[in-house]
Amino acid sequence: MVVSDKIRKRVSPQRRWAILSGSKETNSSVPRQAIDFGWRLRGRTIRLLRDSSLTLLPVRQRAPAALLLQYCADGNSLMSCLQCGACTVNCHLAETDGALFPRRQMTLLQLGEVDKLLADPNVWLCFNCQDCTSRCPANAGPGRIMAAIRRLAVEHYSVPRWWSRLASQRRGFLTMLLAAIALLLAAIAVGGSFSPQMTPVHYASMLPHFTLNLLFGALAGVVMIIAAINAATAWKAFAGEALGKASLGRLVHSFASASRQIAAHKQFSECQQFPLSRWAHMSVFYGFMTLLALAGAAATLIAVGAPYPLPVFHPFKIAGNLAAAGIIGGTLYFCVQRQRASRDRDASSWFDWAPLVQLLLVSTTGLLAEGFRYANVGVLAYPTYFLHLAFVFVLLAGAANSKLAHVFYRTVALTAEQYRITSEAPVADLEPRRVAA
């Protein structure tokens, strides 16, 4: 890995021998000067005297910081870490479950062990509650660094990697949005109409259901294949064996245990910095899953010739509206929290903002398109519906290669951790136990 090669650079053998042997090169009569080795404490430079009893390698510390600058706004905060362990002590998940984050990950990154870091499932067992960051005495921002490591991991496991880089950038979002608009316009030109009926509003007159289901069905299939490949690659790194060689019984038991933990969202309740995170995340998670299920059900109804669109008080419509409202409420909560963090010099990258913005756009335009259709305002209904489809396309296209992919990787990490536990005891002897998430 190119990054690892850069991080593992050393001082030349001749220079190291000169330092260790105390040769004249380092023991001149000139008074020794304090040197900046890249160490920081609360943002202040710490200068140290050169010591012939050990070899200080500033390159090893600066290279990881330079790497982090690509994935978070303040990568240099890594060099402020004193390895005091306050982050792990103040992490309630690490306290209750015996996990080793985030201090272990900070150490691996400082040592330049990027390959080991990417293969560490504990990276995904952190819920980014920022309790560790708020109590860090050196202001090293371990929560921010853990988030940056997860972004690096998403890019590392993504196929193709360039798609992950594109989905993680603001200009990438605009590029994908323009591509989605172009595809939808082409679909309308081929199988739809640019002059749909205005009264009553009927979206199928602009883009027929068959064409729409074919386009989004193909996209969903590609995304699922990519997600499966990425998850299998991550499993091999986390569990140390290929997915095909795993014991089926233990794998099913571990996946079921991980699914229960994800469904309950209990780990979010440990967050002291943002106590409402559990309910906000549940609103977004279950809202999103509900909309996916309803979209699949609607496509099936259309395929079998059932009447569509559905009436306003149909159970599917009610469930969809409630799910969209839950997503809007949850995303707004997280947007406010991130905005407050930005004012406290803890700015989030577009990688963190992208899923919130996209989910908010999808849900809002979906509700507006439905309202305009029932109000029979065609001049607003069709443009809003078109934008809704474009935002849905962008959201799905980046689902396996953006921050949304944490759904897959966290599930794989939890399953791998539970799989490791079950390998140490017979399945029949195991009791339900909680693993840090």
Protein backbone atom coordinates (compact mmCIF):
# COMPACT_ATOMS: atom_id res chain seq x y z
CA MET A 1 0.00 0.00 0.00
CA VAL A 2 1.47 3.37 -1.08
CA VAL A 3 0.35 5.13 2.09
CA SER A 4 2.03 2.54 4.29
CA ASP A 5 5.28 2.80 2.34
CA LYS A 6 5.36 6.54 2.89
CA ILE A 7 4.63 6.21 6.59
CA ARG A 8 7.31 3.57 7.17
CA LYS A 9 10.14 5.83 6.02
CA ARG A 10 13.11 5.99 8.38
CA VAL A 11 16.10 8.22 8.80
CA SER A 12 19.14 6.99 6.93
CA PRO A 13 21.15 4.15 8.55
CA GLN A 14 24.23 6.39 8.73
CA ARG A 15 22.36 9.10 10.57
CA ARG A 16 20.74 6.64 12.96
CA TRP A 17 24.13 5.10 13.76
CA ALA A 18 25.54 8.57 14.39
CA ILE A 19 22.75 9.35 16.85
CA LEU A 20 22.91 6.06 18.69
CA SER A 21 26.72 5.93 18.88
CA GLY A 22 27.07 9.54 20.00
CA SER A 23 29.56 10.38 17.26
CA LYS A 24 31.02 13.81 16.73
CA GLU A 25 28.30 14.54 14.26
CA THR A 26 25.81 14.84 17.11
CA ASN A 27 28.08 15.71 20.06
CA SER A 28 29.55 18.98 18.88
CA SER A 29 30.60 21.66 21.30
CA VAL A 30 27.85 23.92 20.01
CA PRO A 31 25.05 24.28 22.60
CA ARG A 32 22.18 21.97 21.77
CA GLN A 33 19.03 23.58 20.45
CA ALA A 34 15.47 22.49 21.07
CA ILE A 35 13.99 20.85 17.98
CA ASP A 36 10.40 20.69 16.78
CA PHE A 37 9.60 17.01 16.25
CA GLY A 38 5.97 17.77 15.41
CA TRP A 39 4.61 17.25 18.92
CA ARG A 40 1.74 19.49 20.05
CA LEU A 41 -0.04 20.09 23.35
CA ARG A 42 -3.29 22.06 23.17
CA GLY A 43 -2.15 23.42 19.83
CA ARG A 44 1.20 24.67 21.18
CA THR A 45 4.53 23.48 19.84
CA ILE A 46 6.64 21.32 22.18
CA ARG A 47 10.36 21.54 21.41
CA LEU A 48 12.74 18.91 22.76
CA LEU A 49 16.49 18.62 23.01
CA ARG A 50 18.10 16.07 20.76
CA ASP A 51 18.88 12.99 22.87
CA SER A 52 21.54 10.55 21.75
CA SER A 53 19.96 7.76 23.78
CA LEU A 54 17.05 7.30 21.39
CA THR A 55 16.02 8.00 17.82
CA LEU A 56 13.13 10.39 17.34
CA LEU A 57 11.47 9.94 13.98
CA PRO A 58 9.39 13.02 13.20
CA VAL A 59 8.66 11.66 9.73
CA ARG A 60 6.70 8.75 11.23
CA GLN A 61 4.46 11.15 13.13
CA ARG A 62 4.05 13.76 10.45
CA ALA A 63 3.20 11.31 7.67
CA PRO A 64 0.04 10.00 9.40
CA ALA A 65 -0.98 13.59 10.16
CA ALA A 66 -0.51 14.47 6.49
CA LEU A 67 -2.59 11.43 5.60
CA LEU A 68 -5.40 12.52 7.93
CA LEU A 69 -5.48 15.99 6.39
CA GLN A 70 -7.05 14.36 3.33
CA TYR A 71 -9.94 13.04 5.43
CA CYS A 72 -10.56 15.59 8.20
CA ALA A 73 -10.07 19.30 8.68
CA ASP A 74 -7.52 18.99 11.52
CA GLY A 75 -5.26 16.02 10.87
CA ASN A 76 -2.42 17.66 12.78
CA SER A 77 -4.35 17.15 16.02
CA LEU A 78 -3.04 13.58 15.96
CA MET A 79 0.35 14.89 17.05
CA SER A 80 -1.21 16.39 20.18
CA CYS A 81 -2.11 12.95 21.51
CA LEU A 82 -0.21 12.14 24.72
CA GLN A 83 -1.38 8.52 24.91
CA CYS A 84 -2.78 9.25 28.36
CA GLY A 85 -5.76 6.95 27.79
CA ALA A 86 -8.35 9.51 28.88
CA CYS A 87 -10.34 8.88 25.70
CA THR A 88 -10.76 5.18 26.42
CA VAL A 89 -11.47 5.80 30.11
CA ASN A 90 -14.25 8.29 29.27
CA CYS A 91 -15.77 6.11 26.55
CA HIS A 92 -18.78 4.37 28.08
CA LEU A 93 -18.78 1.70 25.41
CA ALA A 94 -15.15 0.85 26.09
CA GLU A 95 -15.89 0.91 29.81
CA THR A 96 -18.80 -1.52 29.66
CA ASP A 97 -17.62 -3.81 26.88
CA GLY A 98 -13.85 -3.87 27.27
CA ALA A 99 -13.21 -2.48 23.80
CA LEU A 100 -9.85 -0.86 23.04
CA PHE A 101 -10.92 2.27 21.21
CA PRO A 102 -10.01 4.96 20.57
CA ARG A 103 -6.57 4.89 22.21
CA ARG A 104 -5.46 1.77 20.35
CA GLN A 105 -6.39 3.31 17.00
CA MET A 106 -4.59 6.54 17.87
CA THR A 107 -1.47 4.52 18.70
CA LEU A 108 -1.60 2.49 15.50
CA LEU A 109 -2.00 5.64 13.45
CA GLN A 110 0.89 7.38 15.21
CA LEU A 111 3.06 4.34 14.53
CA GLY A 112 2.07 4.36 10.88
CA GLU A 113 0.43 0.93 11.04
CA VAL A 114 -2.28 1.83 8.55
CA ASP A 115 -2.77 -1.74 7.31
CA LYS A 116 -3.44 -3.00 10.84
CA LEU A 117 -5.72 -0.06 11.45
CA LEU A 118 -7.87 -0.80 8.41
CA ALA A 119 -8.19 -4.44 9.46
CA ASP A 120 -9.30 -3.50 12.98
CA PRO A 121 -13.07 -4.05 13.45
CA ASN A 122 -13.04 -1.81 16.53
CA VAL A 123 -12.88 1.16 14.17
CA TRP A 124 -16.53 0.44 13.37
CA LEU A 125 -17.57 -0.26 16.94
CA CYS A 126 -17.35 3.46 17.75
CA PHE A 127 -20.60 5.45 17.52
CA ASN A 128 -18.90 8.84 17.14
CA CYS A 129 -20.66 10.29 20.19
CA GLN A 130 -17.67 12.64 20.79
CA ASP A 131 -17.54 11.95 24.54
CA CYS A 132 -13.83 11.21 24.17
CA THR A 133 -13.18 14.44 22.28
CA SER A 134 -14.98 16.58 24.85
CA ARG A 135 -12.79 15.17 27.65
CA CYS A 136 -9.42 14.97 25.88
CA PRO A 137 -6.88 16.98 27.96
CA ALA A 138 -4.64 17.56 24.94
CA ASN A 139 -7.45 18.55 22.56
CA ALA A 140 -6.32 15.83 20.17
CA GLY A 141 -9.83 15.17 18.87
CA PRO A 142 -9.90 11.35 19.03
CA GLY A 143 -13.54 11.31 17.90
CA ARG A 144 -12.71 13.31 14.78
CA ILE A 145 -9.74 11.08 14.05
CA MET A 146 -11.83 7.92 14.43
CA ALA A 147 -14.32 9.38 11.94
CA ALA A 148 -11.46 10.13 9.55
CA ILE A 149 -10.18 6.55 9.92
CA ARG A 150 -13.62 5.22 9.00
CA ARG A 151 -13.66 7.41 5.92
CA LEU A 152 -10.24 6.05 4.98
CA ALA A 153 -11.55 2.51 5.51
CA VAL A 154 -14.60 3.11 3.33
CA GLU A 155 -12.34 4.28 0.52
CA HIS A 156 -9.96 1.36 1.06
CA TYR A 157 -12.65 -1.33 0.82
CA SER A 158 -14.72 0.34 -1.90
CA VAL A 159 -14.94 -1.04 -5.41
CA PRO A 160 -14.10 1.01 -7.37
CA ARG A 161 -12.14 3.34 -5.09
CA TRP A 162 -12.47 6.35 -7.35
CA TRP A 163 -16.23 6.17 -6.92
CA SER A 164 -15.81 6.44 -3.15
CA ARG A 165 -13.56 9.48 -3.54
CA LEU A 166 -16.15 11.04 -5.86
CA ALA A 167 -19.04 10.36 -3.49
CA SER A 168 -17.10 11.86 -0.55
CA GLN A 169 -16.55 15.26 -2.16
CA ARG A 170 -18.90 18.18 -2.62
CA ARG A 171 -18.09 18.49 -6.30
CA GLY A 172 -18.69 14.75 -6.61
CA PHE A 173 -22.24 15.26 -5.38
CA LEU A 174 -22.82 17.89 -8.06
CA THR A 175 -21.29 15.64 -10.70
CA MET A 176 -23.50 12.71 -9.70
CA LEU A 177 -26.56 14.97 -9.59
CA LEU A 178 -25.90 16.24 -13.12
CA ALA A 179 -25.38 12.66 -14.30
CA ALA A 180 -28.67 11.60 -12.69
CA ILE A 181 -30.51 14.50 -14.34
CA ALA A 182 -29.02 13.57 -17.72
CA LEU A 183 -30.07 9.91 -17.33
CA LEU A 184 -33.61 10.84 -16.30
CA LEU A 185 -33.92 13.25 -19.22
CA ALA A 186 -32.73 10.50 -21.56
CA ALA A 187 -35.25 8.07 -20.02
CA ILE A 188 -38.06 10.58 -20.54
CA ALA A 189 -36.95 11.20 -24.12
CA VAL A 190 -36.91 7.49 -24.90
CA GLY A 191 -39.97 6.19 -23.05
CA GLY A 192 -41.78 9.19 -21.56
CA SER A 193 -43.06 12.62 -22.45
CA PHE A 194 -41.92 16.19 -21.85
CA SER A 195 -45.57 17.30 -22.08
CA PRO A 196 -47.34 15.33 -19.35
CA GLN A 197 -51.00 15.82 -18.54
CA MET A 198 -51.54 18.72 -16.18
CA THR A 199 -55.02 17.86 -14.91
CA PRO A 200 -55.11 15.61 -13.09
CA VAL A 201 -51.43 15.27 -12.26
CA HIS A 202 -50.23 11.82 -13.27
CA TYR A 203 -46.50 11.26 -12.90
CA ALA A 204 -46.54 8.17 -15.13
CA SER A 205 -47.48 10.43 -18.04
CA MET A 206 -44.02 12.00 -17.76
CA LEU A 207 -42.03 8.87 -16.94
CA PRO A 208 -43.83 5.51 -17.23
CA HIS A 209 -43.59 3.13 -14.30
CA PHE A 210 -41.95 0.41 -16.40
CA THR A 211 -39.10 2.70 -17.46
CA LEU A 212 -38.74 4.04 -13.94
CA ASN A 213 -38.63 0.59 -12.33
CA LEU A 214 -36.18 -0.66 -14.94
CA LEU A 215 -33.78 2.25 -14.35
CA PHE A 216 -33.84 2.17 -10.55
CA GLY A 217 -33.99 -1.63 -10.40
CA ALA A 218 -30.76 -1.86 -12.40
CA LEU A 219 -29.13 0.75 -10.16
CA ALA A 220 -30.20 -1.06 -6.99
CA GLY A 221 -28.86 -4.35 -8.35
CA VAL A 222 -25.44 -2.85 -9.10
CA VAL A 223 -25.27 -1.20 -5.67
CA MET A 224 -26.15 -4.48 -3.93
CA ILE A 225 -23.44 -6.34 -5.83
CA ILE A 226 -20.84 -3.70 -4.95
CA ALA A 227 -21.96 -3.70 -1.30
CA ALA A 228 -21.62 -7.50 -1.16
CA ILE A 229 -18.10 -7.36 -2.60
CA ASN A 230 -17.05 -4.61 -0.19
CA ALA A 231 -18.55 -6.43 2.79
CA ALA A 232 -16.84 -9.70 1.86
CA THR A 233 -13.48 -7.93 1.58
CA ALA A 234 -13.98 -6.26 4.95
CA TRP A 235 -14.99 -9.58 6.53
CA LYS A 236 -11.75 -11.21 5.39
CA ALA A 237 -9.78 -8.38 7.00
CA PHE A 238 -11.80 -8.37 10.23
CA ALA A 239 -12.18 -12.12 10.77
CA GLY A 240 -8.89 -13.25 9.23
CA GLU A 241 -10.56 -15.73 6.87
CA ALA A 242 -12.58 -15.62 3.69
CA LEU A 243 -16.33 -15.44 4.05
CA GLY A 244 -16.72 -18.70 2.12
CA LYS A 245 -14.62 -20.55 4.68
CA ALA A 246 -16.58 -19.35 7.72
CA SER A 247 -18.63 -21.79 9.75
CA LEU A 248 -22.22 -21.34 8.58
CA GLY A 249 -23.76 -22.05 11.99
CA ARG A 250 -21.53 -19.60 13.87
CA LEU A 251 -21.93 -17.04 11.09
CA VAL A 252 -25.73 -17.14 11.25
CA HIS A 253 -25.69 -16.98 15.06
CA SER A 254 -23.26 -14.04 15.00
CA PHE A 255 -25.24 -12.16 12.36
CA ALA A 256 -28.46 -12.61 14.31
CA SER A 257 -26.80 -11.25 17.45
CA ALA A 258 -25.39 -8.26 15.57
CA SER A 259 -28.78 -7.58 13.97
CA ARG A 260 -30.45 -7.47 17.38
CA GLN A 261 -27.93 -4.94 18.61
CA ILE A 262 -28.39 -2.76 15.54
CA ALA A 263 -32.18 -2.96 15.78
CA ALA A 264 -32.21 -1.91 19.45
CA HIS A 265 -29.74 0.98 19.07
CA LYS A 266 -28.88 0.59 22.74
CA GLN A 267 -25.28 1.69 22.29
CA PHE A 268 -26.47 5.19 21.39
CA SER A 269 -27.94 5.52 24.87
CA GLU A 270 -24.40 5.52 26.28
CA CYS A 271 -23.69 8.84 24.58
CA GLN A 272 -23.38 11.63 27.16
CA GLN A 273 -22.51 14.44 24.76
CA PHE A 274 -25.64 14.03 22.61
CA PRO A 275 -28.24 12.10 24.65
CA LEU A 276 -30.93 12.27 21.95
CA SER A 277 -28.71 10.66 19.31
CA ARG A 278 -30.30 7.25 19.83
CA TRP A 279 -33.81 8.42 18.97
CA ALA A 280 -32.66 10.63 16.12
CA HIS A 281 -30.65 7.83 14.56
CA MET A 282 -33.52 5.38 15.01
CA SER A 283 -35.83 7.81 13.21
CA VAL A 284 -33.43 8.07 10.28
CA PHE A 285 -32.54 4.38 10.19
CA TYR A 286 -36.05 2.96 10.42
CA GLY A 287 -37.44 5.70 8.19
CA PHE A 288 -34.93 4.90 5.49
CA MET A 289 -35.49 1.14 5.75
CA THR A 290 -39.26 1.68 5.64
CA LEU A 291 -39.03 3.77 2.48
CA LEU A 292 -36.82 1.14 0.83
CA ALA A 293 -39.31 -1.59 1.68
CA LEU A 294 -42.26 0.49 0.46
CA ALA A 295 -40.48 1.32 -2.80
CA GLY A 296 -39.95 -2.38 -3.41
CA ALA A 297 -43.57 -3.14 -2.55
CA ALA A 298 -44.82 -0.38 -4.88
CA ALA A 299 -42.68 -1.71 -7.73
CA THR A 300 -44.13 -5.17 -7.15
CA LEU A 301 -47.71 -3.84 -7.14
CA ILE A 302 -47.09 -2.04 -10.41
CA ALA A 303 -45.50 -5.14 -11.96
CA VAL A 304 -48.54 -7.30 -11.15
CA GLY A 305 -50.95 -4.68 -12.50
CA ALA A 306 -52.43 -3.42 -9.22
CA PRO A 307 -54.06 0.06 -9.24
CA TYR A 308 -51.52 2.84 -8.80
CA PRO A 309 -51.06 5.54 -7.49
CA LEU A 310 -52.44 4.61 -4.10
CA PRO A 311 -55.10 6.67 -2.30
CA VAL A 312 -53.99 9.13 0.37
CA PHE A 313 -55.18 7.02 3.29
CA HIS A 314 -53.70 3.76 2.05
CA PRO A 315 -51.54 2.11 4.78
CA PHE A 316 -48.49 2.28 2.50
CA LYS A 317 -48.99 6.02 2.03
CA ILE A 318 -49.40 6.65 5.74
CA ALA A 319 -46.30 4.57 6.57
CA GLY A 320 -44.27 6.35 3.88
CA ASN A 321 -45.26 9.81 5.10
CA LEU A 322 -44.43 8.94 8.69
CA ALA A 323 -41.07 7.49 7.61
CA ALA A 324 -40.23 10.63 5.62
CA ALA A 325 -41.16 12.82 8.59
CA GLY A 326 -38.96 10.72 10.86
CA ILE A 327 -36.02 11.08 8.47
CA ILE A 328 -36.47 14.84 8.29
CA GLY A 329 -36.64 15.15 12.09
CA GLY A 330 -33.58 12.94 12.67
CA THR A 331 -31.43 14.57 9.99
CA LEU A 332 -32.29 18.06 11.24
CA TYR A 333 -31.18 17.04 14.74
CA PHE A 334 -27.81 15.82 13.45
CA CYS A 335 -27.43 18.88 11.22
CA VAL A 336 -27.90 21.16 14.23
CA GLN A 337 -25.37 19.16 16.26
CA ARG A 338 -22.80 19.31 13.48
CA GLN A 339 -23.37 23.03 13.05
CA ARG A 340 -22.79 23.58 16.76
CA ALA A 341 -19.64 21.47 16.59
CA SER A 342 -18.39 23.58 13.68
CA ARG A 343 -18.70 26.70 15.82
CA ASP A 344 -16.56 24.93 18.42
CA ARG A 345 -13.82 24.30 15.82
CA ASP A 346 -14.91 20.73 15.26
CA ALA A 347 -15.99 21.08 11.66
CA SER A 348 -17.34 18.06 9.78
CA SER A 349 -16.27 17.17 6.25
CA TRP A 350 -18.60 16.71 3.29
CA PHE A 351 -18.24 12.96 3.87
CA ASP A 352 -20.24 13.46 7.10
CA TRP A 353 -22.62 16.07 5.71
CA ALA A 354 -23.47 14.27 2.44
CA PRO A 355 -25.87 11.57 3.76
CA LEU A 356 -27.70 14.11 5.94
CA VAL A 357 -28.16 16.55 3.05
CA GLN A 358 -29.18 13.82 0.61
CA LEU A 359 -31.67 12.20 2.98
CA LEU A 360 -33.16 15.59 3.78
CA LEU A 361 -33.51 16.45 0.09
CA VAL A 362 -35.04 13.08 -0.78
CA SER A 363 -37.59 13.19 2.04
CA THR A 364 -38.55 16.83 1.56
CA THR A 365 -39.01 16.64 -2.21
CA GLY A 366 -40.94 13.38 -1.80
CA LEU A 367 -43.46 14.96 0.55
CA LEU A 368 -43.72 18.08 -1.60
CA ALA A 369 -44.27 16.01 -4.76
CA GLU A 370 -47.06 14.12 -3.04
CA GLY A 371 -48.67 17.32 -1.77
CA PHE A 372 -48.53 19.02 -5.17
CA ARG A 373 -50.05 15.95 -6.81
CA TYR A 374 -52.99 15.87 -4.40
CA ALA A 375 -53.39 19.64 -4.81
CA ASN A 376 -53.26 19.10 -8.59
CA VAL A 377 -50.64 21.84 -9.14
CA GLY A 378 -48.91 20.42 -12.20
CA VAL A 379 -46.56 23.33 -12.75
CA LEU A 380 -44.90 22.56 -9.40
CA ALA A 381 -45.60 18.84 -9.15
CA TYR A 382 -43.62 17.61 -12.15
CA PRO A 383 -40.38 19.60 -11.53
CA THR A 384 -40.47 18.58 -7.85
CA TYR A 385 -41.02 14.93 -8.75
CA PHE A 386 -38.17 15.08 -11.26
CA LEU A 387 -35.78 16.51 -8.65
CA HIS A 388 -36.97 13.89 -6.17
CA LEU A 389 -36.03 11.11 -8.59
CA ALA A 390 -32.63 12.73 -9.21
CA PHE A 391 -31.88 12.96 -5.48
CA VAL A 392 -32.96 9.35 -4.95
CA PHE A 393 -30.65 8.27 -7.77
CA VAL A 394 -27.66 10.07 -6.22
CA LEU A 395 -28.43 8.64 -2.77
CA LEU A 396 -28.62 5.06 -4.04
CA ALA A 397 -25.62 5.40 -6.37
CA GLY A 398 -23.32 6.27 -3.47
CA ALA A 399 -24.89 4.05 -0.82
CA ALA A 400 -22.11 1.41 -0.91
CA ASN A 401 -19.23 3.87 -1.29
CA SER A 402 -20.11 6.82 0.95
CA LYS A 403 -20.75 7.25 4.66
CA LEU A 404 -24.01 5.35 4.20
CA ALA A 405 -21.79 2.29 3.75
CA HIS A 406 -21.25 2.32 7.52
CA VAL A 407 -24.51 0.33 7.64
CA PHE A 408 -22.71 -2.54 5.91
CA TYR A 409 -19.32 -2.20 7.59
CA ARG A 410 -20.70 -1.82 11.10
CA THR A 411 -22.85 -4.91 10.58
CA VAL A 412 -19.81 -6.84 9.32
CA ALA A 413 -17.67 -5.62 12.22
CA LEU A 414 -20.28 -6.54 14.83
CA THR A 415 -20.76 -9.94 13.21
CA ALA A 416 -17.01 -10.54 13.04
CA GLU A 417 -16.59 -9.60 16.70
CA GLN A 418 -19.41 -11.91 17.75
CA TYR A 419 -18.01 -14.62 15.46
CA ARG A 420 -14.67 -14.33 17.26
CA ILE A 421 -16.43 -14.73 20.61
CA THR A 422 -18.37 -17.78 19.45
CA SER A 423 -15.16 -19.40 18.20
CA GLU A 424 -13.94 -19.50 21.79
CA ALA A 425 -16.92 -21.46 23.12
CA PRO A 426 -19.58 -23.85 21.77
CA VAL A 427 -22.63 -22.11 20.39
CA ALA A 428 -24.90 -23.99 22.81
CA ASP A 429 -23.03 -22.56 25.79
CA LEU A 430 -23.34 -18.96 24.67
CA GLU A 431 -25.70 -16.50 26.21
CA PRO A 432 -26.80 -13.28 24.50
CA ARG A 433 -24.11 -10.76 25.18
CA ARG A 434 -23.52 -7.19 24.14
CA VAL A 435 -20.63 -6.07 21.98
CA ALA A 436 -19.57 -2.43 21.60
CA ALA A 437 -20.94 -0.83 18.49
